[in-house]
């Protein structure tokens, strides 16, 4: 399984952007917990938002809570990260990651301490006026 991110680009502070995570060959994602992570050069990778396989449980980093929303559409085999009220500190390379299992703890998944099976190559988000 390969994950492919898209939707990154340039956004103004206060603006919105939607990132998409898709499987490379439209393979099913419905058995996977999915997370969005971001990294800035020189800093550790940060778990931004994670969602379990059923889509019922989500976790958000404090830095994005109330502004970002993670969702999934298993019929289309995609997951999304809706970014609203974007701040300059949100600029980063955003990665999609996935882990098989229907009992995945999304808080643990987003903590970055547990290895995850699948990663995309990232999509860059730049915040500038």
Foldseek 3Di string as FASTA:
>chain_A
DAKAKDFADEDEQQAKTKMKIAHPVNDFCLQKKKWKWWDDPPDDIATAKIAASVRPDMDGDPVQPPAWDWGDDRVRRMIMIIGGSDDQVPWGWMKMFIAGHRPDDNVVVRRPPDDTDYIYPTDTHGYDD
